[in-house]
């Protein structure tokens, strides 16, 4: 594994893991008052486009990171919509 690929996978891991506590808190407390729906929708669009880009160029760190990021942010958005 090259150093660049290692950095890519590390960034993918950290960039994805950072959303898990927010998703967990939103679902466990059912309190989404401090969460911006617009901000999360924009971020969902961003990571979805990065996922598409990763698929088009077959870049696995980008594909993996953004697949999990899409799932995490979808969870947050779903909680925001459900627990208005």
C-alpha atoms as a PDB file:
ATOM      1  CA  UNK A   1       0.000   0.000   0.000  1.00  0.00           C
ATOM      2  CA  UNK A   2       1.397   3.364  -1.025  1.00  0.00           C
ATOM      3  CA  UNK A   3       1.603   6.275   1.421  1.00  0.00           C
ATOM      4  CA  UNK A   4      -0.955   8.194  -0.666  1.00  0.00           C
ATOM      5  CA  UNK A   5      -3.428   5.310  -0.511  1.00  0.00           C
ATOM      6  CA  UNK A   6      -2.859   4.963   3.226  1.00  0.00           C
ATOM      7  CA  UNK A   7      -3.618   8.667   3.701  1.00  0.00           C
ATOM      8  CA  UNK A   8      -6.723   8.239   1.558  1.00  0.00           C
ATOM      9  CA  UNK A   9      -8.029   5.376   3.674  1.00  0.00           C
ATOM     10  CA  UNK A  10      -7.224   7.219   6.913  1.00  0.00           C
ATOM     11  CA  UNK A  11      -9.086  10.313   5.675  1.00  0.00           C
ATOM     12  CA  UNK A  12     -11.978   8.075   4.626  1.00  0.00           C
ATOM     13  CA  UNK A  13     -12.146   6.497   8.064  1.00  0.00           C
ATOM     14  CA  UNK A  14     -11.946   9.741  10.032  1.00  0.00           C
ATOM     15  CA  UNK A  15     -14.275  11.631   7.695  1.00  0.00           C
ATOM     16  CA  UNK A  16     -16.920   8.965   8.109  1.00  0.00           C
ATOM     17  CA  UNK A  17     -16.555   8.203  11.804  1.00  0.00           C
ATOM     18  CA  UNK A  18     -17.048  11.866  12.732  1.00  0.00           C
ATOM     19  CA  UNK A  19     -20.748  11.694  11.689  1.00  0.00           C
ATOM     20  CA  UNK A  20     -21.633   8.622  13.730  1.00  0.00           C
ATOM     21  CA  UNK A  21     -21.917  10.392  17.128  1.00  0.00           C
ATOM     22  CA  UNK A  22     -24.297  12.986  15.651  1.00  0.00           C
ATOM     23  CA  UNK A  23     -26.483  10.303  14.074  1.00  0.00           C
ATOM     24  CA  UNK A  24     -26.493   8.276  17.306  1.00  0.00           C
ATOM     25  CA  UNK A  25     -27.411  11.301  19.418  1.00  0.00           C
ATOM     26  CA  UNK A  26     -30.200  12.379  17.062  1.00  0.00           C
ATOM     27  CA  UNK A  27     -31.836   8.951  17.149  1.00  0.00           C
ATOM     28  CA  UNK A  28     -31.251   8.138  20.796  1.00  0.00           C
ATOM     29  CA  UNK A  29     -32.456  11.478  22.201  1.00  0.00           C
ATOM     30  CA  UNK A  30     -34.957  12.286  19.448  1.00  0.00           C
ATOM     31  CA  UNK A  31     -33.738  15.868  19.812  1.00  0.00           C
ATOM     32  CA  UNK A  32     -32.804  17.387  16.481  1.00  0.00           C
ATOM     33  CA  UNK A  33     -33.402  21.017  17.416  1.00  0.00           C
ATOM     34  CA  UNK A  34     -29.713  21.854  17.074  1.00  0.00           C
ATOM     35  CA  UNK A  35     -29.368  20.239  13.650  1.00  0.00           C
ATOM     36  CA  UNK A  36     -29.692  22.277  10.469  1.00  0.00           C
ATOM     37  CA  UNK A  37     -31.700  20.414   7.836  1.00  0.00           C
ATOM     38  CA  UNK A  38     -30.429  22.682   5.048  1.00  0.00           C
ATOM     39  CA  UNK A  39     -26.808  22.189   6.056  1.00  0.00           C
ATOM     40  CA  UNK A  40     -27.179  18.418   6.213  1.00  0.00           C
ATOM     41  CA  UNK A  41     -29.031  18.302   2.885  1.00  0.00           C
ATOM     42  CA  UNK A  42     -26.218  20.274   1.261  1.00  0.00           C
ATOM     43  CA  UNK A  43     -23.644  17.969   2.807  1.00  0.00           C
ATOM     44  CA  UNK A  44     -25.643  14.936   1.661  1.00  0.00           C
ATOM     45  CA  UNK A  45     -25.545  16.324  -1.874  1.00  0.00           C
ATOM     46  CA  UNK A  46     -21.802  16.908  -1.564  1.00  0.00           C
ATOM     47  CA  UNK A  47     -20.944  13.411  -0.353  1.00  0.00           C
ATOM     48  CA  UNK A  48     -23.297  11.885  -2.928  1.00  0.00           C
ATOM     49  CA  UNK A  49     -21.434  13.707  -5.682  1.00  0.00           C
ATOM     50  CA  UNK A  50     -18.095  12.606  -4.223  1.00  0.00           C
ATOM     51  CA  UNK A  51     -19.400   9.038  -4.185  1.00  0.00           C
ATOM     52  CA  UNK A  52     -20.387   9.348  -7.838  1.00  0.00           C
ATOM     53  CA  UNK A  53     -16.970  10.788  -8.650  1.00  0.00           C
ATOM     54  CA  UNK A  54     -15.243   7.952  -6.797  1.00  0.00           C
ATOM     55  CA  UNK A  55     -17.271   5.412  -8.744  1.00  0.00           C
ATOM     56  CA  UNK A  56     -16.464   7.109 -12.057  1.00  0.00           C
ATOM     57  CA  UNK A  57     -12.715   7.119 -11.398  1.00  0.00           C
ATOM     58  CA  UNK A  58     -12.714   3.823  -9.429  1.00  0.00           C
ATOM     59  CA  UNK A  59     -11.044   5.373  -6.382  1.00  0.00           C
ATOM     60  CA  UNK A  60     -11.729   3.018  -3.467  1.00  0.00           C
ATOM     61  CA  UNK A  61     -10.933   5.347  -0.557  1.00  0.00           C
ATOM     62  CA  UNK A  62     -13.378   7.904  -1.993  1.00  0.00           C
ATOM     63  CA  UNK A  63     -16.008   5.233  -2.692  1.00  0.00           C
ATOM     64  CA  UNK A  64     -15.781   3.712   0.778  1.00  0.00           C
ATOM     65  CA  UNK A  65     -15.687   7.012   2.644  1.00  0.00           C
ATOM     66  CA  UNK A  66     -18.592   8.525   0.804  1.00  0.00           C
ATOM     67  CA  UNK A  67     -20.743   5.408   0.885  1.00  0.00           C
ATOM     68  CA  UNK A  68     -20.591   5.461   4.670  1.00  0.00           C
ATOM     69  CA  UNK A  69     -20.887   9.261   4.800  1.00  0.00           C
ATOM     70  CA  UNK A  70     -24.062   9.122   2.683  1.00  0.00           C
ATOM     71  CA  UNK A  71     -25.518   6.512   5.041  1.00  0.00           C
ATOM     72  CA  UNK A  72     -24.583   8.488   8.170  1.00  0.00           C
ATOM     73  CA  UNK A  73     -25.912  11.801   6.866  1.00  0.00           C
ATOM     74  CA  UNK A  74     -29.078  10.110   5.560  1.00  0.00           C
ATOM     75  CA  UNK A  75     -29.600   8.833   9.094  1.00  0.00           C
ATOM     76  CA  UNK A  76     -29.247  12.360  10.469  1.00  0.00           C
ATOM     77  CA  UNK A  77     -31.584  13.818   7.852  1.00  0.00           C
ATOM     78  CA  UNK A  78     -34.137  11.064   8.495  1.00  0.00           C
ATOM     79  CA  UNK A  79     -34.005  11.796  12.233  1.00  0.00           C
ATOM     80  CA  UNK A  80     -34.427  15.518  11.586  1.00  0.00           C
ATOM     81  CA  UNK A  81     -37.486  14.891   9.415  1.00  0.00           C
ATOM     82  CA  UNK A  82     -38.986  12.341  11.791  1.00  0.00           C
ATOM     83  CA  UNK A  83     -38.426  14.242  15.048  1.00  0.00           C
ATOM     84  CA  UNK A  84     -39.175  17.808  13.896  1.00  0.00           C
END
